PDB file of all heavy atoms in Angstrom:
ATOM      1  N   VAL A   1     -31.716  33.171   5.833  1.00  0.00           N
ATOM      2  CA  VAL A   1     -31.432  32.319   6.981  1.00  0.00           C
ATOM      3  C   VAL A   1     -32.176  32.834   8.207  1.00  0.00           C
ATOM      4  O   VAL A   1     -32.021  33.983   8.603  1.00  0.00           O
ATOM      5  CB  VAL A   1     -29.921  32.285   7.265  1.00  0.00           C
ATOM      6  CG1 VAL A   1     -29.639  31.489   8.536  1.00  0.00           C
ATOM      7  CG2 VAL A   1     -29.169  31.692   6.081  1.00  0.00           C
ATOM      8  N   VAL A   2     -32.993  31.952   8.790  1.00  0.00           N
ATOM      9  CA  VAL A   2     -33.717  32.256  10.024  1.00  0.00           C
ATOM     10  C   VAL A   2     -33.374  31.138  11.009  1.00  0.00           C
ATOM     11  O   VAL A   2     -34.054  30.119  11.071  1.00  0.00           O
ATOM     12  CB  VAL A   2     -35.236  32.334   9.787  1.00  0.00           C
ATOM     13  CG1 VAL A   2     -35.949  32.795  11.055  1.00  0.00           C
ATOM     14  CG2 VAL A   2     -35.564  33.265   8.630  1.00  0.00           C
ATOM     15  N   PRO A   3     -32.294  31.288  11.774  1.00  0.00           N
ATOM     16  CA  PRO A   3     -31.810  30.186  12.617  1.00  0.00           C
ATOM     17  C   PRO A   3     -32.835  29.739  13.651  1.00  0.00           C
ATOM     18  O   PRO A   3     -33.649  30.524  14.131  1.00  0.00           O
ATOM     19  CB  PRO A   3     -30.571  30.784  13.299  1.00  0.00           C
ATOM     20  CG  PRO A   3     -30.162  31.922  12.426  1.00  0.00           C
ATOM     21  CD  PRO A   3     -31.440  32.475  11.876  1.00  0.00           C
ATOM     22  N   CYS A   4     -32.750  28.454  13.976  1.00  0.00           N
ATOM     23  CA  CYS A   4     -33.635  27.884  14.995  1.00  0.00           C
ATOM     24  C   CYS A   4     -32.811  27.280  16.121  1.00  0.00           C
ATOM     25  O   CYS A   4     -32.596  27.906  17.148  1.00  0.00           O
ATOM     26  CB  CYS A   4     -34.557  26.835  14.372  1.00  0.00           C
ATOM     27  SG  CYS A   4     -35.674  26.021  15.543  1.00  0.00           S
ATOM     28  N   GLU A   5     -32.310  26.070  15.935  1.00  0.00           N
ATOM     29  CA  GLU A   5     -31.588  25.363  16.990  1.00  0.00           C
ATOM     30  C   GLU A   5     -30.099  25.688  17.019  1.00  0.00           C
ATOM     31  O   GLU A   5     -29.469  25.632  18.073  1.00  0.00           O
ATOM     32  CB  GLU A   5     -31.781  23.845  16.823  1.00  0.00           C
ATOM     33  CG  GLU A   5     -33.221  23.379  16.946  1.00  0.00           C
ATOM     34  CD  GLU A   5     -33.753  23.499  18.363  1.00  0.00           C
ATOM     35  OE1 GLU A   5     -32.948  23.432  19.306  1.00  0.00           O
ATOM     36  OE2 GLU A   5     -34.984  23.668  18.513  1.00  0.00           O
ATOM     37  N   VAL A   6     -29.511  25.959  15.852  1.00  0.00           N
ATOM     38  CA  VAL A   6     -28.071  26.203  15.773  1.00  0.00           C
ATOM     39  C   VAL A   6     -27.800  27.446  14.934  1.00  0.00           C
ATOM     40  O   VAL A   6     -28.600  27.821  14.071  1.00  0.00           O
ATOM     41  CB  VAL A   6     -27.329  24.995  15.161  1.00  0.00           C
ATOM     42  CG1 VAL A   6     -27.443  23.785  16.069  1.00  0.00           C
ATOM     43  CG2 VAL A   6     -27.861  24.662  13.777  1.00  0.00           C
ATOM     44  N   ALA A   7     -26.670  28.084  15.195  1.00  0.00           N
ATOM     45  CA  ALA A   7     -26.268  29.256  14.424  1.00  0.00           C
ATOM     46  C   ALA A   7     -25.877  28.831  13.012  1.00  0.00           C
ATOM     47  O   ALA A   7     -25.374  27.729  12.791  1.00  0.00           O
ATOM     48  CB  ALA A   7     -25.109  29.960  15.105  1.00  0.00           C
ATOM     49  N   VAL A   8     -26.116  29.713  12.062  1.00  0.00           N
ATOM     50  CA  VAL A   8     -25.751  29.467  10.669  1.00  0.00           C
ATOM     51  C   VAL A   8     -24.724  30.513  10.266  1.00  0.00           C
ATOM     52  O   VAL A   8     -25.019  31.713  10.315  1.00  0.00           O
ATOM     53  CB  VAL A   8     -26.979  29.542   9.746  1.00  0.00           C
ATOM     54  CG1 VAL A   8     -26.576  29.267   8.301  1.00  0.00           C
ATOM     55  CG2 VAL A   8     -28.053  28.555  10.197  1.00  0.00           C
ATOM     56  N   PRO A   9     -23.524  30.103   9.879  1.00  0.00           N
ATOM     57  CA  PRO A   9     -22.483  31.074   9.526  1.00  0.00           C
ATOM     58  C   PRO A   9     -22.902  31.968   8.370  1.00  0.00           C
ATOM     59  O   PRO A   9     -23.671  31.570   7.496  1.00  0.00           O
ATOM     60  CB  PRO A   9     -21.293  30.191   9.136  1.00  0.00           C
ATOM     61  CG  PRO A   9     -21.565  28.863   9.764  1.00  0.00           C
ATOM     62  CD  PRO A   9     -23.053  28.708   9.775  1.00  0.00           C
ATOM     63  N   ALA A  10     -22.374  33.182   8.373  1.00  0.00           N
ATOM     64  CA  ALA A  10     -22.627  34.114   7.274  1.00  0.00           C
ATOM     65  C   ALA A  10     -21.901  33.638   6.022  1.00  0.00           C
ATOM     66  O   ALA A  10     -20.892  32.942   6.090  1.00  0.00           O
ATOM     67  CB  ALA A  10     -22.156  35.512   7.654  1.00  0.00           C
ATOM     68  N   ALA A  11     -22.447  34.000   4.861  1.00  0.00           N
ATOM     69  CA  ALA A  11     -21.840  33.668   3.576  1.00  0.00           C
ATOM     70  C   ALA A  11     -22.379  34.649   2.544  1.00  0.00           C
ATOM     71  O   ALA A  11     -23.451  35.246   2.741  1.00  0.00           O
ATOM     72  CB  ALA A  11     -22.155  32.231   3.171  1.00  0.00           C
ATOM     73  N   PRO A  12     -21.671  34.849   1.435  1.00  0.00           N
ATOM     74  CA  PRO A  12     -22.100  35.831   0.429  1.00  0.00           C
ATOM     75  C   PRO A  12     -23.501  35.599  -0.120  1.00  0.00           C
ATOM     76  O   PRO A  12     -24.202  36.555  -0.480  1.00  0.00           O
ATOM     77  CB  PRO A  12     -21.042  35.682  -0.674  1.00  0.00           C
ATOM     78  CG  PRO A  12     -19.834  35.190   0.037  1.00  0.00           C
ATOM     79  CD  PRO A  12     -20.353  34.274   1.105  1.00  0.00           C
ATOM     80  N   SER A  13     -23.935  34.333  -0.188  1.00  0.00           N
ATOM     81  CA  SER A  13     -25.258  34.047  -0.755  1.00  0.00           C
ATOM     82  C   SER A  13     -26.353  34.013   0.293  1.00  0.00           C
ATOM     83  O   SER A  13     -27.496  33.686  -0.018  1.00  0.00           O
ATOM     84  CB  SER A  13     -25.225  32.694  -1.481  1.00  0.00           C
ATOM     85  OG  SER A  13     -24.904  31.657  -0.566  1.00  0.00           O
ATOM     86  N   ARG A  14     -26.028  34.367   1.553  1.00  0.00           N
ATOM     87  CA  ARG A  14     -26.981  34.271   2.650  1.00  0.00           C
ATOM     88  C   ARG A  14     -27.311  35.646   3.224  1.00  0.00           C
ATOM     89  O   ARG A  14     -26.441  36.484   3.389  1.00  0.00           O
ATOM     90  CB  ARG A  14     -26.414  33.396   3.770  1.00  0.00           C
ATOM     91  CG  ARG A  14     -26.041  32.008   3.326  1.00  0.00           C
ATOM     92  CD  ARG A  14     -25.339  31.229   4.433  1.00  0.00           C
ATOM     93  NE  ARG A  14     -24.872  29.931   3.941  1.00  0.00           N
ATOM     94  CZ  ARG A  14     -24.146  29.085   4.652  1.00  0.00           C
ATOM     95  NH1 ARG A  14     -23.811  29.388   5.899  1.00  0.00           N
ATOM     96  NH2 ARG A  14     -23.760  27.933   4.122  1.00  0.00           N
ATOM     97  N   VAL A  15     -28.596  35.824   3.558  1.00  0.00           N
ATOM     98  CA  VAL A  15     -29.064  37.019   4.259  1.00  0.00           C
ATOM     99  C   VAL A  15     -29.676  36.540   5.567  1.00  0.00           C
ATOM    100  O   VAL A  15     -30.540  35.666   5.571  1.00  0.00           O
ATOM    101  CB  VAL A  15     -30.107  37.791   3.430  1.00  0.00           C
ATOM    102  CG1 VAL A  15     -30.639  38.975   4.219  1.00  0.00           C
ATOM    103  CG2 VAL A  15     -29.496  38.252   2.111  1.00  0.00           C
ATOM    104  N   GLN A  16     -29.215  37.086   6.668  1.00  0.00           N
ATOM    105  CA  GLN A  16     -29.656  36.640   7.988  1.00  0.00           C
ATOM    106  C   GLN A  16     -30.877  37.452   8.445  1.00  0.00           C
ATOM    107  O   GLN A  16     -30.950  38.658   8.224  1.00  0.00           O
ATOM    108  CB  GLN A  16     -28.530  36.820   9.010  1.00  0.00           C
ATOM    109  CG  GLN A  16     -27.266  36.035   8.688  1.00  0.00           C
ATOM    110  CD  GLN A  16     -27.285  34.630   9.234  1.00  0.00           C
ATOM    111  OE1 GLN A  16     -28.111  34.283  10.084  1.00  0.00           O
ATOM    112  NE2 GLN A  16     -26.371  33.794   8.763  1.00  0.00           N
ATOM    113  N   ARG A  17     -31.811  36.748   9.095  1.00  0.00           N
ATOM    114  CA  ARG A  17     -32.980  37.404   9.682  1.00  0.00           C
ATOM    115  C   ARG A  17     -33.278  36.705  11.001  1.00  0.00           C
ATOM    116  O   ARG A  17     -33.240  35.472  11.078  1.00  0.00           O
ATOM    117  CB  ARG A  17     -34.184  37.314   8.743  1.00  0.00           C
ATOM    118  CG  ARG A  17     -35.415  38.081   9.235  1.00  0.00           C
ATOM    119  CD  ARG A  17     -36.581  37.961   8.249  1.00  0.00           C
ATOM    120  NE  ARG A  17     -37.788  38.554   8.776  1.00  0.00           N
ATOM    121  CZ  ARG A  17     -38.150  39.811   8.588  1.00  0.00           C
ATOM    122  NH1 ARG A  17     -37.382  40.605   7.856  1.00  0.00           N
ATOM    123  NH2 ARG A  17     -39.267  40.283   9.115  1.00  0.00           N
ATOM    124  N   GLU A  18     -33.586  37.473  12.023  1.00  0.00           N
ATOM    125  CA  GLU A  18     -33.782  36.906  13.354  1.00  0.00           C
ATOM    126  C   GLU A  18     -34.982  35.980  13.416  1.00  0.00           C
ATOM    127  O   GLU A  18     -34.948  34.932  14.064  1.00  0.00           O
ATOM    128  CB  GLU A  18     -33.925  38.025  14.385  1.00  0.00           C
ATOM    129  CG  GLU A  18     -34.019  37.527  15.813  1.00  0.00           C
ATOM    130  CD  GLU A  18     -34.040  38.654  16.824  1.00  0.00           C
ATOM    131  OE1 GLU A  18     -33.584  39.770  16.485  1.00  0.00           O
ATOM    132  OE2 GLU A  18     -34.517  38.430  17.949  1.00  0.00           O
ATOM    133  N   SER A  19     -36.081  36.347  12.766  1.00  0.00           N
ATOM    134  CA  SER A  19     -37.275  35.503  12.744  1.00  0.00           C
ATOM    135  C   SER A  19     -38.117  35.881  11.530  1.00  0.00           C
ATOM    136  O   SER A  19     -37.816  36.839  10.808  1.00  0.00           O
ATOM    137  CB  SER A  19     -38.091  35.674  14.028  1.00  0.00           C
ATOM    138  OG  SER A  19     -38.896  36.837  13.966  1.00  0.00           O
ATOM    139  N   LEU A  20     -39.189  35.121  11.321  1.00  0.00           N
ATOM    140  CA  LEU A  20     -40.115  35.412  10.223  1.00  0.00           C
ATOM    141  C   LEU A  20     -41.215  36.379  10.635  1.00  0.00           C
ATOM    142  O   LEU A  20     -42.057  36.743   9.809  1.00  0.00           O
ATOM    143  CB  LEU A  20     -40.734  34.107   9.717  1.00  0.00           C
ATOM    144  CG  LEU A  20     -39.781  33.173   8.968  1.00  0.00           C
ATOM    145  CD1 LEU A  20     -40.449  31.820   8.730  1.00  0.00           C
ATOM    146  CD2 LEU A  20     -39.335  33.791   7.644  1.00  0.00           C
ATOM    147  N   VAL A  21     -41.210  36.808  11.869  1.00  0.00           N
ATOM    148  CA  VAL A  21     -42.220  37.752  12.356  1.00  0.00           C
ATOM    149  C   VAL A  21     -42.143  39.044  11.554  1.00  0.00           C
ATOM    150  O   VAL A  21     -41.077  39.643  11.412  1.00  0.00           O
ATOM    151  CB  VAL A  21     -42.034  38.034  13.851  1.00  0.00           C
ATOM    152  CG1 VAL A  21     -42.986  39.139  14.305  1.00  0.00           C
ATOM    153  CG2 VAL A  21     -42.244  36.778  14.681  1.00  0.00           C
ATOM    154  N   GLY A  22     -43.281  39.453  11.008  1.00  0.00           N
ATOM    155  CA  GLY A  22     -43.348  40.721  10.284  1.00  0.00           C
ATOM    156  C   GLY A  22     -42.762  40.686   8.890  1.00  0.00           C
ATOM    157  O   GLY A  22     -42.588  41.753   8.272  1.00  0.00           O
ATOM    158  N   LEU A  23     -42.456  39.511   8.360  1.00  0.00           N
ATOM    159  CA  LEU A  23     -41.897  39.435   7.008  1.00  0.00           C
ATOM    160  C   LEU A  23     -42.880  40.008   5.994  1.00  0.00           C
ATOM    161  O   LEU A  23     -44.047  39.633   5.958  1.00  0.00           O
ATOM    162  CB  LEU A  23     -41.583  37.982   6.645  1.00  0.00           C
ATOM    163  CG  LEU A  23     -40.898  37.785   5.279  1.00  0.00           C
ATOM    164  CD1 LEU A  23     -39.427  38.183   5.366  1.00  0.00           C
ATOM    165  CD2 LEU A  23     -41.033  36.336   4.812  1.00  0.00           C
ATOM    166  N   ARG A  24     -42.393  40.915   5.131  1.00  0.00           N
ATOM    167  CA  ARG A  24     -43.213  41.552   4.104  1.00  0.00           C
ATOM    168  C   ARG A  24     -42.639  41.235   2.723  1.00  0.00           C
ATOM    169  O   ARG A  24     -41.460  40.881   2.609  1.00  0.00           O
ATOM    170  CB  ARG A  24     -43.222  43.063   4.290  1.00  0.00           C
ATOM    171  CG  ARG A  24     -43.715  43.548   5.646  1.00  0.00           C
ATOM    172  CD  ARG A  24     -43.332  45.015   5.844  1.00  0.00           C
ATOM    173  NE  ARG A  24     -41.882  45.175   5.848  1.00  0.00           N
ATOM    174  CZ  ARG A  24     -41.259  46.355   5.737  1.00  0.00           C
ATOM    175  NH1 ARG A  24     -41.960  47.463   5.603  1.00  0.00           N
ATOM    176  NH2 ARG A  24     -39.933  46.409   5.755  1.00  0.00           N
ATOM    177  N   PRO A  25     -43.429  41.376   1.665  1.00  0.00           N
ATOM    178  CA  PRO A  25     -42.889  41.158   0.319  1.00  0.00           C
ATOM    179  C   PRO A  25     -41.653  41.998   0.040  1.00  0.00           C
ATOM    180  O   PRO A  25     -40.708  41.519  -0.592  1.00  0.00           O
ATOM    181  CB  PRO A  25     -44.065  41.557  -0.588  1.00  0.00           C
ATOM    182  CG  PRO A  25     -45.274  41.241   0.219  1.00  0.00           C
ATOM    183  CD  PRO A  25     -44.905  41.600   1.631  1.00  0.00           C
ATOM    184  N   VAL A  26     -41.629  43.235   0.536  1.00  0.00           N
ATOM    185  CA  VAL A  26     -40.461  44.083   0.307  1.00  0.00           C
ATOM    186  C   VAL A  26     -39.224  43.513   0.987  1.00  0.00           C
ATOM    187  O   VAL A  26     -38.096  43.677   0.504  1.00  0.00           O
ATOM    188  CB  VAL A  26     -40.732  45.532   0.778  1.00  0.00           C
ATOM    189  CG1 VAL A  26     -40.874  45.609   2.298  1.00  0.00           C
ATOM    190  CG2 VAL A  26     -39.637  46.468   0.288  1.00  0.00           C
ATOM    191  N   ASP A  27     -39.405  42.812   2.106  1.00  0.00           N
ATOM    192  CA  ASP A  27     -38.272  42.182   2.783  1.00  0.00           C
ATOM    193  C   ASP A  27     -37.723  41.020   1.957  1.00  0.00           C
ATOM    194  O   ASP A  27     -36.509  40.795   1.918  1.00  0.00           O
ATOM    195  CB  ASP A  27     -38.690  41.670   4.162  1.00  0.00           C
ATOM    196  CG  ASP A  27     -39.183  42.778   5.072  1.00  0.00           C
ATOM    197  OD1 ASP A  27     -38.578  43.863   5.072  1.00  0.00           O
ATOM    198  OD2 ASP A  27     -40.189  42.549   5.780  1.00  0.00           O
TER     199      ASP A  27
END
């Protein structure tokens, strides 16, 4: 989950990330 206009609630199947900046394969 990389929110844009609205917040996205946490859930067991979700991993939150502030933005896609610097995303690597290991991430």
